[in-house]
Protein backbone atom coordinates (compact mmCIF):
# COMPACT_ATOMS: atom_id res chain seq x y z
CA UNK A 1 -29.89 3.80 -77.07
CA UNK A 2 -31.33 3.09 -80.45
CA UNK A 3 -33.13 6.21 -81.55
CA UNK A 4 -33.15 5.43 -85.26
CA UNK A 5 -35.50 3.23 -87.20
CA UNK A 6 -34.89 -0.48 -87.29
CA UNK A 7 -34.30 -2.31 -90.56
CA UNK A 8 -37.71 -3.96 -90.24
CA UNK A 9 -39.43 -0.56 -89.96
CA UNK A 10 -37.56 0.73 -93.01
CA UNK A 11 -38.51 -2.32 -95.08
CA UNK A 12 -42.15 -2.05 -94.02
CA UNK A 13 -42.26 1.64 -94.94
CA UNK A 14 -40.67 0.92 -98.33
CA UNK A 15 -43.20 -1.84 -99.06
CA UNK A 16 -46.10 0.45 -98.16
CA UNK A 17 -44.76 3.22 -100.41
CA UNK A 18 -44.27 0.87 -103.35
CA UNK A 19 -47.78 -0.53 -102.89
CA UNK A 20 -49.21 2.99 -102.77
CA UNK A 21 -47.36 4.05 -105.94
CA UNK A 22 -48.45 0.92 -107.79
CA UNK A 23 -52.06 1.57 -106.76
CA UNK A 24 -51.90 5.16 -108.05
CA UNK A 25 -50.36 4.13 -111.38
CA UNK A 26 -52.89 1.32 -111.82
CA UNK A 27 -55.75 3.73 -111.09
CA UNK A 28 -54.46 6.18 -113.70
CA UNK A 29 -53.87 3.40 -116.22
CA UNK A 30 -57.35 1.90 -115.79
CA UNK A 31 -58.97 5.34 -115.85
CA UNK A 32 -57.39 6.22 -119.19
CA UNK A 33 -58.10 2.74 -120.57
CA UNK A 34 -61.72 3.01 -119.53
CA UNK A 35 -62.00 6.45 -121.14
CA UNK A 36 -60.70 5.05 -124.44
CA UNK A 37 -63.25 2.24 -124.32
CA UNK A 38 -66.20 4.40 -123.29
CA UNK A 39 -65.65 7.93 -124.57
CA UNK A 40 -68.88 9.32 -123.13
CA UNK A 41 -68.08 8.91 -119.44
CA UNK A 42 -68.21 12.27 -117.72
CA UNK A 43 -66.54 11.26 -114.44
CA UNK A 44 -63.42 9.99 -116.23
CA UNK A 45 -63.09 13.24 -118.17
CA UNK A 46 -63.37 15.23 -114.93
CA UNK A 47 -60.59 13.17 -113.35
CA UNK A 48 -58.41 13.70 -116.42
CA UNK A 49 -59.02 17.46 -116.29
CA UNK A 50 -57.93 17.42 -112.65
CA UNK A 51 -54.73 15.54 -113.45
CA UNK A 52 -53.87 17.79 -116.37
CA UNK A 53 -54.57 20.92 -114.29
CA UNK A 54 -52.20 19.69 -111.58
CA UNK A 55 -49.43 18.96 -114.07
CA UNK A 56 -49.57 22.36 -115.84
């Protein structure tokens, strides 16, 4: 009676998590890069305020 997860399920879950983490880091990277290029964007500054509020 196999009640645990199979190796295939574990590998699939790991791949999904890595993809999700890469997507988050890329979003943060491109957001900060875009804010350096165009310093007048309001929506980028609001996102940065949200990130900094969560960290503190």
